[in-house]
PDB file of N, CA and C in Angstrom:
ATOM      1  N   MET A   1     -26.108 -24.851  10.340  1.00  0.00           N
ATOM      2  CA  MET A   1     -25.610 -23.892   9.413  1.00  0.00           C
ATOM      3  C   MET A   1     -24.354 -23.277  10.165  1.00  0.00           C
ATOM      4  N   GLU A   2     -23.114 -23.334   9.584  1.00  0.00           N
ATOM      5  CA  GLU A   2     -21.956 -22.729  10.065  1.00  0.00           C
ATOM      6  C   GLU A   2     -21.989 -21.227   9.842  1.00  0.00           C
ATOM      7  N   SER A   3     -21.361 -20.698  10.660  1.00  0.00           N
ATOM      8  CA  SER A   3     -21.140 -19.071  10.635  1.00  0.00           C
ATOM      9  C   SER A   3     -20.199 -18.810   9.467  1.00  0.00           C
ATOM     10  N   GLU A   4     -20.105 -17.549   9.223  1.00  0.00           N
ATOM     11  CA  GLU A   4     -19.264 -17.065   8.067  1.00  0.00           C
ATOM     12  C   GLU A   4     -17.787 -17.247   8.315  1.00  0.00           C
ATOM     13  N   VAL A   5     -17.392 -16.904   9.619  1.00  0.00           N
ATOM     14  CA  VAL A   5     -16.004 -17.155   9.982  1.00  0.00           C
ATOM     15  C   VAL A   5     -15.616 -18.562  10.033  1.00  0.00           C
ATOM     16  N   LYS A   6     -16.493 -19.479  10.504  1.00  0.00           N
ATOM     17  CA  LYS A   6     -16.143 -20.833  10.464  1.00  0.00           C
ATOM     18  C   LYS A   6     -15.996 -21.448   9.059  1.00  0.00           C
ATOM     19  N   ASN A   7     -16.873 -20.949   8.207  1.00  0.00           N
ATOM     20  CA  ASN A   7     -16.755 -21.271   6.713  1.00  0.00           C
ATOM     21  C   ASN A   7     -15.423 -20.818   6.155  1.00  0.00           C
ATOM     22  N   LEU A   8     -15.046 -19.614   6.436  1.00  0.00           N
ATOM     23  CA  LEU A   8     -13.882 -19.042   5.960  1.00  0.00           C
ATOM     24  C   LEU A   8     -12.612 -19.924   6.580  1.00  0.00           C
ATOM     25  N   CYS A   9     -12.719 -20.296   7.917  1.00  0.00           N
ATOM     26  CA  CYS A   9     -11.719 -21.187   8.518  1.00  0.00           C
ATOM     27  C   CYS A   9     -11.680 -22.489   7.692  1.00  0.00           C
ATOM     28  N   TYR A  10     -12.807 -23.023   7.381  1.00  0.00           N
ATOM     29  CA  TYR A  10     -12.735 -24.332   6.713  1.00  0.00           C
ATOM     30  C   TYR A  10     -12.106 -24.223   5.297  1.00  0.00           C
ATOM     31  N   LYS A  11     -12.351 -23.031   4.617  1.00  0.00           N
ATOM     32  CA  LYS A  11     -11.763 -22.775   3.337  1.00  0.00           C
ATOM     33  C   LYS A  11     -10.302 -22.752   3.442  1.00  0.00           C
ATOM     34  N   ILE A  12      -9.726 -21.983   4.397  1.00  0.00           N
ATOM     35  CA  ILE A  12      -8.312 -21.966   4.695  1.00  0.00           C
ATOM     36  C   ILE A  12      -7.714 -23.231   4.985  1.00  0.00           C
ATOM     37  N   PHE A  13      -8.322 -24.137   5.775  1.00  0.00           N
ATOM     38  CA  PHE A  13      -8.103 -25.358   6.180  1.00  0.00           C
ATOM     39  C   PHE A  13      -8.006 -26.277   5.084  1.00  0.00           C
ATOM     40  N   GLU A  14      -8.854 -26.301   4.159  1.00  0.00           N
ATOM     41  CA  GLU A  14      -8.960 -26.981   2.883  1.00  0.00           C
ATOM     42  C   GLU A  14      -7.663 -26.681   2.055  1.00  0.00           C
ATOM     43  N   ARG A  15      -7.194 -25.538   1.997  1.00  0.00           N
ATOM     44  CA  ARG A  15      -6.013 -25.368   1.260  1.00  0.00           C
ATOM     45  C   ARG A  15      -4.711 -25.885   1.979  1.00  0.00           C
ATOM     46  N   MET A  16      -4.821 -25.867   3.218  1.00  0.00           N
ATOM     47  CA  MET A  16      -3.575 -26.252   4.023  1.00  0.00           C
ATOM     48  C   MET A  16      -3.662 -27.937   3.863  1.00  0.00           C
ATOM     49  N   ASP A  17      -4.826 -28.430   3.883  1.00  0.00           N
ATOM     50  CA  ASP A  17      -4.988 -29.887   3.693  1.00  0.00           C
ATOM     51  C   ASP A  17      -4.346 -30.423   2.368  1.00  0.00           C
ATOM     52  N   ILE A  18      -4.657 -29.553   1.394  1.00  0.00           N
ATOM     53  CA  ILE A  18      -4.125 -30.067   0.151  1.00  0.00           C
ATOM     54  C   ILE A  18      -2.524 -30.096   0.192  1.00  0.00           C
ATOM     55  N   LEU A  19      -1.910 -29.053   0.815  1.00  0.00           N
ATOM     56  CA  LEU A  19      -0.440 -28.947   0.940  1.00  0.00           C
ATOM     57  C   LEU A  19      -0.035 -30.209   1.775  1.00  0.00           C
ATOM     58  N   ILE A  20      -0.646 -30.580   2.847  1.00  0.00           N
ATOM     59  CA  ILE A  20      -0.226 -31.695   3.727  1.00  0.00           C
ATOM     60  C   ILE A  20      -0.516 -33.078   2.935  1.00  0.00           C
ATOM     61  N   GLN A  21      -1.514 -33.254   2.288  1.00  0.00           N
ATOM     62  CA  GLN A  21      -1.803 -34.475   1.766  1.00  0.00           C
ATOM     63  C   GLN A  21      -0.790 -34.745   0.460  1.00  0.00           C
ATOM     64  N   ASN A  22      -0.411 -33.597  -0.158  1.00  0.00           N
ATOM     65  CA  ASN A  22       0.709 -33.743  -1.150  1.00  0.00           C
ATOM     66  C   ASN A  22       1.944 -34.221  -0.724  1.00  0.00           C
ATOM     67  N   LYS A  23       2.116 -33.927   0.588  1.00  0.00           N
ATOM     68  CA  LYS A  23       3.518 -34.425   1.246  1.00  0.00           C
ATOM     69  C   LYS A  23       3.610 -35.821   1.815  1.00  0.00           C
ATOM     70  N   LEU A  24       2.388 -36.302   2.106  1.00  0.00           N
ATOM     71  CA  LEU A  24       2.125 -37.630   2.604  1.00  0.00           C
ATOM     72  C   LEU A  24       2.310 -38.670   1.593  1.00  0.00           C
ATOM     73  N   GLY A  25       3.445 -39.348   1.680  1.00  0.00           N
ATOM     74  CA  GLY A  25       3.680 -40.320   0.644  1.00  0.00           C
ATOM     75  C   GLY A  25       3.348 -41.860   1.083  1.00  0.00           C
ATOM     76  N   ASN A  26       3.489 -42.034   2.331  1.00  0.00           N
ATOM     77  CA  ASN A  26       3.223 -43.341   2.924  1.00  0.00           C
ATOM     78  C   ASN A  26       1.675 -43.613   3.102  1.00  0.00           C
ATOM     79  N   MET A  27       1.141 -44.867   2.467  1.00  0.00           N
ATOM     80  CA  MET A  27      -0.255 -44.941   2.522  1.00  0.00           C
ATOM     81  C   MET A  27      -0.733 -45.141   4.122  1.00  0.00           C
ATOM     82  N   VAL A  28       0.084 -45.634   4.953  1.00  0.00           N
ATOM     83  CA  VAL A  28      -0.155 -45.709   6.281  1.00  0.00           C
ATOM     84  C   VAL A  28      -0.445 -44.300   6.935  1.00  0.00           C
ATOM     85  N   LEU A  29       0.497 -43.369   6.502  1.00  0.00           N
ATOM     86  CA  LEU A  29       0.371 -42.000   6.973  1.00  0.00           C
ATOM     87  C   LEU A  29      -0.914 -41.393   6.501  1.00  0.00           C
ATOM     88  N   VAL A  30      -1.262 -41.588   5.320  1.00  0.00           N
ATOM     89  CA  VAL A  30      -2.489 -41.089   4.702  1.00  0.00           C
ATOM     90  C   VAL A  30      -3.589 -41.468   5.383  1.00  0.00           C
ATOM     91  N   LYS A  31      -3.819 -42.833   5.652  1.00  0.00           N
ATOM     92  CA  LYS A  31      -4.953 -43.463   6.335  1.00  0.00           C
ATOM     93  C   LYS A  31      -5.058 -42.826   7.781  1.00  0.00           C
ATOM     94  N   LEU A  32      -3.931 -42.766   8.422  1.00  0.00           N
ATOM     95  CA  LEU A  32      -3.916 -42.125   9.809  1.00  0.00           C
ATOM     96  C   LEU A  32      -4.445 -40.754   9.707  1.00  0.00           C
ATOM     97  N   TYR A  33      -3.759 -39.973   8.927  1.00  0.00           N
ATOM     98  CA  TYR A  33      -4.207 -38.509   8.588  1.00  0.00           C
ATOM     99  C   TYR A  33      -5.691 -38.484   8.401  1.00  0.00           C
ATOM    100  N   LYS A  34      -6.301 -39.155   7.379  1.00  0.00           N
ATOM    101  CA  LYS A  34      -7.718 -38.993   6.972  1.00  0.00           C
ATOM    102  C   LYS A  34      -8.655 -39.498   8.159  1.00  0.00           C
ATOM    103  N   THR A  35      -8.225 -40.633   8.866  1.00  0.00           N
ATOM    104  CA  THR A  35      -9.250 -41.220   9.777  1.00  0.00           C
ATOM    105  C   THR A  35      -9.096 -40.547  11.304  1.00  0.00           C
ATOM    106  N   ILE A  36      -7.975 -40.039  11.629  1.00  0.00           N
ATOM    107  CA  ILE A  36      -7.800 -39.541  12.936  1.00  0.00           C
ATOM    108  C   ILE A  36      -7.657 -37.858  12.934  1.00  0.00           C
ATOM    109  N   ILE A  37      -6.517 -37.411  12.293  1.00  0.00           N
ATOM    110  CA  ILE A  37      -6.080 -36.172  12.424  1.00  0.00           C
ATOM    111  C   ILE A  37      -7.055 -35.093  11.630  1.00  0.00           C
ATOM    112  N   LEU A  38      -7.524 -35.364  10.387  1.00  0.00           N
ATOM    113  CA  LEU A  38      -8.431 -34.640   9.705  1.00  0.00           C
ATOM    114  C   LEU A  38      -9.793 -34.499  10.296  1.00  0.00           C
ATOM    115  N   PRO A  39     -10.489 -35.575  10.949  1.00  0.00           N
ATOM    116  CA  PRO A  39     -11.629 -35.285  11.737  1.00  0.00           C
ATOM    117  C   PRO A  39     -11.533 -34.491  12.919  1.00  0.00           C
ATOM    118  N   TYR A  40     -10.376 -34.642  13.541  1.00  0.00           N
ATOM    119  CA  TYR A  40     -10.000 -33.718  14.847  1.00  0.00           C
ATOM    120  C   TYR A  40     -10.073 -32.404  14.357  1.00  0.00           C
ATOM    121  N   PHE A  41      -9.323 -31.978  13.368  1.00  0.00           N
ATOM    122  CA  PHE A  41      -9.226 -30.577  12.968  1.00  0.00           C
ATOM    123  C   PHE A  41     -10.661 -30.164  12.681  1.00  0.00           C
ATOM    124  N   HIS A  42     -11.476 -30.714  11.845  1.00  0.00           N
ATOM    125  CA  HIS A  42     -12.791 -30.378  11.761  1.00  0.00           C
ATOM    126  C   HIS A  42     -13.658 -30.145  12.845  1.00  0.00           C
ATOM    127  N   TRP A  43     -13.511 -31.045  13.888  1.00  0.00           N
ATOM    128  CA  TRP A  43     -14.174 -30.980  15.006  1.00  0.00           C
ATOM    129  C   TRP A  43     -13.592 -29.756  15.908  1.00  0.00           C
ATOM    130  N   GLY A  44     -12.339 -29.366  15.810  1.00  0.00           N
ATOM    131  CA  GLY A  44     -11.744 -28.265  16.467  1.00  0.00           C
ATOM    132  C   GLY A  44     -12.354 -27.045  15.983  1.00  0.00           C
ATOM    133  N   ILE A  45     -12.469 -26.851  14.636  1.00  0.00           N
ATOM    134  CA  ILE A  45     -12.845 -25.653  14.089  1.00  0.00           C
ATOM    135  C   ILE A  45     -14.488 -25.513  14.433  1.00  0.00           C
ATOM    136  N   LYS A  46     -15.249 -26.633  14.518  1.00  0.00           N
ATOM    137  CA  LYS A  46     -16.655 -26.606  14.749  1.00  0.00           C
ATOM    138  C   LYS A  46     -16.955 -26.237  16.206  1.00  0.00           C
ATOM    139  N   THR A  47     -16.000 -26.682  17.101  1.00  0.00           N
ATOM    140  CA  THR A  47     -16.296 -26.370  18.541  1.00  0.00           C
ATOM    141  C   THR A  47     -15.615 -25.131  18.950  1.00  0.00           C
ATOM    142  N   THR A  48     -14.868 -24.451  18.156  1.00  0.00           N
ATOM    143  CA  THR A  48     -14.332 -23.254  18.614  1.00  0.00           C
ATOM    144  C   THR A  48     -15.152 -22.033  18.468  1.00  0.00           C
ATOM    145  N   SER A  49     -15.250 -21.179  19.402  1.00  0.00           N
ATOM    146  CA  SER A  49     -16.127 -19.953  19.198  1.00  0.00           C
ATOM    147  C   SER A  49     -15.709 -19.034  18.179  1.00  0.00           C
ATOM    148  N   ASP A  50     -16.818 -18.391  17.698  1.00  0.00           N
ATOM    149  CA  ASP A  50     -16.554 -17.448  16.381  1.00  0.00           C
ATOM    150  C   ASP A  50     -15.600 -16.367  16.834  1.00  0.00           C
ATOM    151  N   GLU A  51     -15.588 -15.865  18.132  1.00  0.00           N
ATOM    152  CA  GLU A  51     -14.713 -14.909  18.643  1.00  0.00           C
ATOM    153  C   GLU A  51     -13.195 -15.488  18.652  1.00  0.00           C
ATOM    154  N   ASP A  52     -12.949 -16.575  19.012  1.00  0.00           N
ATOM    155  CA  ASP A  52     -11.563 -17.203  18.923  1.00  0.00           C
ATOM    156  C   ASP A  52     -11.126 -17.255  17.478  1.00  0.00           C
ATOM    157  N   ILE A  53     -12.014 -17.730  16.599  1.00  0.00           N
ATOM    158  CA  ILE A  53     -11.709 -17.771  15.153  1.00  0.00           C
ATOM    159  C   ILE A  53     -11.372 -16.369  14.676  1.00  0.00           C
ATOM    160  N   LYS A  54     -12.176 -15.512  14.883  1.00  0.00           N
ATOM    161  CA  LYS A  54     -12.076 -14.036  14.571  1.00  0.00           C
ATOM    162  C   LYS A  54     -10.701 -13.537  15.121  1.00  0.00           C
ATOM    163  N   GLU A  55     -10.332 -13.844  16.130  1.00  0.00           N
ATOM    164  CA  GLU A  55      -9.000 -13.434  16.672  1.00  0.00           C
ATOM    165  C   GLU A  55      -7.782 -13.956  16.032  1.00  0.00           C
ATOM    166  N   ASN A  56      -8.014 -15.254  15.742  1.00  0.00           N
ATOM    167  CA  ASN A  56      -6.919 -15.961  14.905  1.00  0.00           C
ATOM    168  C   ASN A  56      -6.965 -15.420  13.479  1.00  0.00           C
ATOM    169  N   LEU A  57      -8.046 -15.244  12.807  1.00  0.00           N
ATOM    170  CA  LEU A  57      -8.095 -14.773  11.519  1.00  0.00           C
ATOM    171  C   LEU A  57      -7.499 -13.288  11.332  1.00  0.00           C
ATOM    172  N   GLN A  58      -7.841 -12.547  12.463  1.00  0.00           N
ATOM    173  CA  GLN A  58      -7.244 -11.208  12.401  1.00  0.00           C
ATOM    174  C   GLN A  58      -5.620 -11.280  12.396  1.00  0.00           C
ATOM    175  N   PHE A  59      -5.141 -12.360  13.271  1.00  0.00           N
ATOM    176  CA  PHE A  59      -3.696 -12.478  13.326  1.00  0.00           C
ATOM    177  C   PHE A  59      -2.989 -12.874  11.947  1.00  0.00           C
ATOM    178  N   ILE A  60      -3.766 -13.753  11.370  1.00  0.00           N
ATOM    179  CA  ILE A  60      -3.395 -14.211   9.979  1.00  0.00           C
ATOM    180  C   ILE A  60      -3.335 -13.070   9.059  1.00  0.00           C
ATOM    181  N   TYR A  61      -4.541 -12.278   9.094  1.00  0.00           N
ATOM    182  CA  TYR A  61      -4.490 -11.045   8.302  1.00  0.00           C
ATOM    183  C   TYR A  61      -3.308 -10.079   8.475  1.00  0.00           C
ATOM    184  N   LYS A  62      -3.103  -9.833   9.700  1.00  0.00           N
ATOM    185  CA  LYS A  62      -1.971  -8.891   9.927  1.00  0.00           C
ATOM    186  C   LYS A  62      -0.669  -9.330   9.601  1.00  0.00           C
ATOM    187  N   THR A  63      -0.468 -10.767   9.621  1.00  0.00           N
ATOM    188  CA  THR A  63       0.607 -11.388   9.228  1.00  0.00           C
ATOM    189  C   THR A  63       0.965 -11.326   7.715  1.00  0.00           C
ATOM    190  N   LEU A  64      -0.187 -11.514   6.903  1.00  0.00           N
ATOM    191  CA  LEU A  64      -0.099 -11.651   5.498  1.00  0.00           C
ATOM    192  C   LEU A  64      -0.259 -10.336   4.862  1.00  0.00           C
ATOM    193  N   LYS A  65      -0.730  -9.314   5.516  1.00  0.00           N
ATOM    194  CA  LYS A  65      -1.023  -7.992   4.937  1.00  0.00           C
ATOM    195  C   LYS A  65       0.287  -7.349   4.325  1.00  0.00           C
ATOM    196  N   PRO A  66       1.437  -7.284   4.868  1.00  0.00           N
ATOM    197  CA  PRO A  66       2.518  -6.676   4.293  1.00  0.00           C
ATOM    198  C   PRO A  66       3.038  -7.429   2.880  1.00  0.00           C
ATOM    199  N   PHE A  67       2.878  -8.701   2.988  1.00  0.00           N
ATOM    200  CA  PHE A  67       3.089  -9.515   1.736  1.00  0.00           C
ATOM    201  C   PHE A  67       2.246  -9.124   0.667  1.00  0.00           C
ATOM    202  N   PHE A  68       0.975  -9.027   0.888  1.00  0.00           N
ATOM    203  CA  PHE A  68       0.021  -8.787  -0.197  1.00  0.00           C
ATOM    204  C   PHE A  68       0.167  -7.314  -0.538  1.00  0.00           C
ATOM    205  N   GLU A  69       0.429  -6.434   0.330  1.00  0.00           N
ATOM    206  CA  GLU A  69       0.658  -5.015  -0.168  1.00  0.00           C
ATOM    207  C   GLU A  69       1.998  -4.972  -1.005  1.00  0.00           C
ATOM    208  N   LYS A  70       2.982  -5.740  -0.733  1.00  0.00           N
ATOM    209  CA  LYS A  70       4.068  -5.716  -1.684  1.00  0.00           C
ATOM    210  C   LYS A  70       3.696  -6.322  -3.149  1.00  0.00           C
ATOM    211  N   LYS A  71       2.834  -7.370  -2.961  1.00  0.00           N
ATOM    212  CA  LYS A  71       2.289  -8.060  -4.220  1.00  0.00           C
ATOM    213  C   LYS A  71       1.572  -6.929  -5.067  1.00  0.00           C
ATOM    214  N   GLN A  72       0.602  -6.275  -4.489  1.00  0.00           N
ATOM    215  CA  GLN A  72      -0.042  -5.297  -5.009  1.00  0.00           C
ATOM    216  C   GLN A  72       0.790  -4.160  -5.743  1.00  0.00           C
ATOM    217  N   LEU A  73       1.682  -3.611  -4.913  1.00  0.00           N
ATOM    218  CA  LEU A  73       2.701  -2.681  -5.420  1.00  0.00           C
ATOM    219  C   LEU A  73       3.440  -3.189  -6.664  1.00  0.00           C
ATOM    220  N   LYS A  74       3.829  -4.516  -6.686  1.00  0.00           N
ATOM    221  CA  LYS A  74       4.475  -5.061  -7.900  1.00  0.00           C
ATOM    222  C   LYS A  74       3.533  -5.097  -9.075  1.00  0.00           C
ATOM    223  N   ASP A  75       2.251  -5.492  -8.768  1.00  0.00           N
ATOM    224  CA  ASP A  75       1.357  -5.545  -9.819  1.00  0.00           C
ATOM    225  C   ASP A  75       1.049  -4.199 -10.560  1.00  0.00           C
ATOM    226  N   GLN A  76       1.008  -3.200  -9.720  1.00  0.00           N
ATOM    227  CA  GLN A  76       0.856  -1.820 -10.109  1.00  0.00           C
ATOM    228  C   GLN A  76       2.151  -1.302 -10.831  1.00  0.00           C
ATOM    229  N   LEU A  77       3.297  -1.725 -10.522  1.00  0.00           N
ATOM    230  CA  LEU A  77       4.511  -1.410 -11.155  1.00  0.00           C
ATOM    231  C   LEU A  77       4.485  -2.021 -12.522  1.00  0.00           C
ATOM    232  N   ASP A  78       4.010  -3.265 -12.582  1.00  0.00           N
ATOM    233  CA  ASP A  78       4.135  -3.959 -13.960  1.00  0.00           C
ATOM    234  C   ASP A  78       2.997  -3.344 -14.717  1.00  0.00           C
ATOM    235  N   GLU A  79       1.894  -2.906 -14.407  1.00  0.00           N
ATOM    236  CA  GLU A  79       0.918  -2.384 -15.173  1.00  0.00           C
ATOM    237  C   GLU A  79       1.316  -0.949 -15.636  1.00  0.00           C
ATOM    238  N   ALA A  80       2.010  -0.317 -14.691  1.00  0.00           N
ATOM    239  CA  ALA A  80       2.523   1.146 -15.127  1.00  0.00           C
ATOM    240  C   ALA A  80       3.592   0.987 -16.192  1.00  0.00           C
ATOM    241  N   GLU A  81       4.422  -0.109 -16.184  1.00  0.00           N
ATOM    242  CA  GLU A  81       5.489  -0.357 -16.993  1.00  0.00           C
ATOM    243  C   GLU A  81       4.767  -0.733 -18.421  1.00  0.00           C
ATOM    244  N   LYS A  82       3.703  -1.488 -18.446  1.00  0.00           N
ATOM    245  CA  LYS A  82       3.025  -1.622 -19.787  1.00  0.00           C
ATOM    246  C   LYS A  82       2.480  -0.539 -20.430  1.00  0.00           C
ATOM    247  N   ILE A  83       1.909   0.433 -19.548  1.00  0.00           N
ATOM    248  CA  ILE A  83       1.260   1.675 -20.061  1.00  0.00           C
ATOM    249  C   ILE A  83       2.235   2.558 -20.512  1.00  0.00           C
ATOM    250  N   GLY A  84       3.338   2.866 -19.670  1.00  0.00           N
ATOM    251  CA  GLY A  84       4.200   3.871 -19.924  1.00  0.00           C
ATOM    252  C   GLY A  84       5.374   3.376 -20.820  1.00  0.00           C
ATOM    253  N   ALA A  85       6.056   4.409 -21.289  1.00  0.00           N
ATOM    254  CA  ALA A  85       7.217   4.128 -22.095  1.00  0.00           C
ATOM    255  C   ALA A  85       8.532   3.962 -21.498  1.00  0.00           C
ATOM    256  N   VAL A  86       8.591   4.455 -20.230  1.00  0.00           N
ATOM    257  CA  VAL A  86       9.776   4.579 -19.246  1.00  0.00           C
ATOM    258  C   VAL A  86       9.793   3.197 -18.456  1.00  0.00           C
ATOM    259  N   SER A  87      10.843   2.515 -18.402  1.00  0.00           N
ATOM    260  CA  SER A  87      11.033   1.339 -17.560  1.00  0.00           C
ATOM    261  C   SER A  87      11.163   1.902 -16.191  1.00  0.00           C
ATOM    262  N   LEU A  88      10.482   1.267 -15.327  1.00  0.00           N
ATOM    263  CA  LEU A  88      10.522   1.544 -13.916  1.00  0.00           C
ATOM    264  C   LEU A  88      11.815   1.059 -13.195  1.00  0.00           C
ATOM    265  N   ASP A  89      12.538   0.324 -13.875  1.00  0.00           N
ATOM    266  CA  ASP A  89      13.790  -0.233 -13.480  1.00  0.00           C
ATOM    267  C   ASP A  89      14.744   0.949 -13.116  1.00  0.00           C
ATOM    268  N   LYS A  90      14.671   2.035 -13.783  1.00  0.00           N
ATOM    269  CA  LYS A  90      15.401   3.160 -13.791  1.00  0.00           C
ATOM    270  C   LYS A  90      15.302   3.892 -12.550  1.00  0.00           C
ATOM    271  N   LEU A  91      14.151   3.723 -11.813  1.00  0.00           N
ATOM    272  CA  LEU A  91      13.975   4.560 -10.695  1.00  0.00           C
ATOM    273  C   LEU A  91      14.627   3.971  -9.478  1.00  0.00           C
ATOM    274  N   GLN A  92      15.303   4.701  -8.685  1.00  0.00           N
ATOM    275  CA  GLN A  92      15.828   4.162  -7.416  1.00  0.00           C
ATOM    276  C   GLN A  92      15.000   4.272  -6.305  1.00  0.00           C
ATOM    277  N   ASN A  93      14.179   3.416  -6.039  1.00  0.00           N
ATOM    278  CA  ASN A  93      13.327   3.408  -4.974  1.00  0.00           C
ATOM    279  C   ASN A  93      13.341   2.187  -4.052  1.00  0.00           C
ATOM    280  N   LYS A  94      13.550   2.366  -2.631  1.00  0.00           N
ATOM    281  CA  LYS A  94      13.745   1.067  -1.878  1.00  0.00           C
ATOM    282  C   LYS A  94      12.361   0.321  -1.889  1.00  0.00           C
ATOM    283  N   GLU A  95      11.215   0.924  -1.950  1.00  0.00           N
ATOM    284  CA  GLU A  95       9.989   0.009  -1.759  1.00  0.00           C
ATOM    285  C   GLU A  95       9.908  -0.625  -3.175  1.00  0.00           C
ATOM    286  N   PHE A  96      10.102  -0.001  -4.261  1.00  0.00           N
ATOM    287  CA  PHE A  96      10.130  -0.670  -5.680  1.00  0.00           C
ATOM    288  C   PHE A  96      10.936  -1.938  -5.662  1.00  0.00           C
ATOM    289  N   GLU A  97      12.258  -1.868  -5.159  1.00  0.00           N
ATOM    290  CA  GLU A  97      13.167  -2.867  -5.174  1.00  0.00           C
ATOM    291  C   GLU A  97      12.725  -4.145  -4.323  1.00  0.00           C
ATOM    292  N   GLU A  98      12.125  -3.719  -3.247  1.00  0.00           N
ATOM    293  CA  GLU A  98      11.709  -4.733  -2.108  1.00  0.00           C
ATOM    294  C   GLU A  98      10.664  -5.438  -2.883  1.00  0.00           C
ATOM    295  N   ALA A  99       9.646  -4.793  -3.437  1.00  0.00           N
ATOM    296  CA  ALA A  99       8.510  -5.513  -4.097  1.00  0.00           C
ATOM    297  C   ALA A  99       8.941  -6.419  -5.217  1.00  0.00           C
ATOM    298  N   LYS A 100       9.842  -5.899  -5.952  1.00  0.00           N
ATOM    299  CA  LYS A 100      10.460  -6.651  -7.014  1.00  0.00           C
ATOM    300  C   LYS A 100      10.994  -7.990  -6.623  1.00  0.00           C
ATOM    301  N   ARG A 101      11.771  -7.914  -5.488  1.00  0.00           N
ATOM    302  CA  ARG A 101      12.456  -9.029  -4.894  1.00  0.00           C
ATOM    303  C   ARG A 101      11.438 -10.163  -4.561  1.00  0.00           C
ATOM    304  N   TYR A 102      10.340  -9.929  -4.107  1.00  0.00           N
ATOM    305  CA  TYR A 102       9.309 -10.929  -3.715  1.00  0.00           C
ATOM    306  C   TYR A 102       8.610 -11.622  -4.834  1.00  0.00           C
ATOM    307  N   PHE A 103       8.523 -10.859  -5.924  1.00  0.00           N
ATOM    308  CA  PHE A 103       7.659 -11.252  -6.969  1.00  0.00           C
ATOM    309  C   PHE A 103       8.403 -11.243  -8.342  1.00  0.00           C
TER     310      PHE A 103
END
């Protein structure tokens, strides 16, 4: 039975795998990827300590956190606009403008 952090790592890798396989058009590359590279990545996750995985997941979290905070702010602004009668576009706020730019 794999640990929770390894299972999380596998889930992240599965999403990355989808992106990679969508870009591989050549059947030789697909075969090479599936028979050599993919098993190596699975082996790498399986043999890496939970502490190392946690450290790397923490780095990923810190890297993605500002992006998702902006996304959350944009979602809150959209919800406030639905509820309120005033358009938030009229507010001059640097954070609002930055959040709107990304989403």
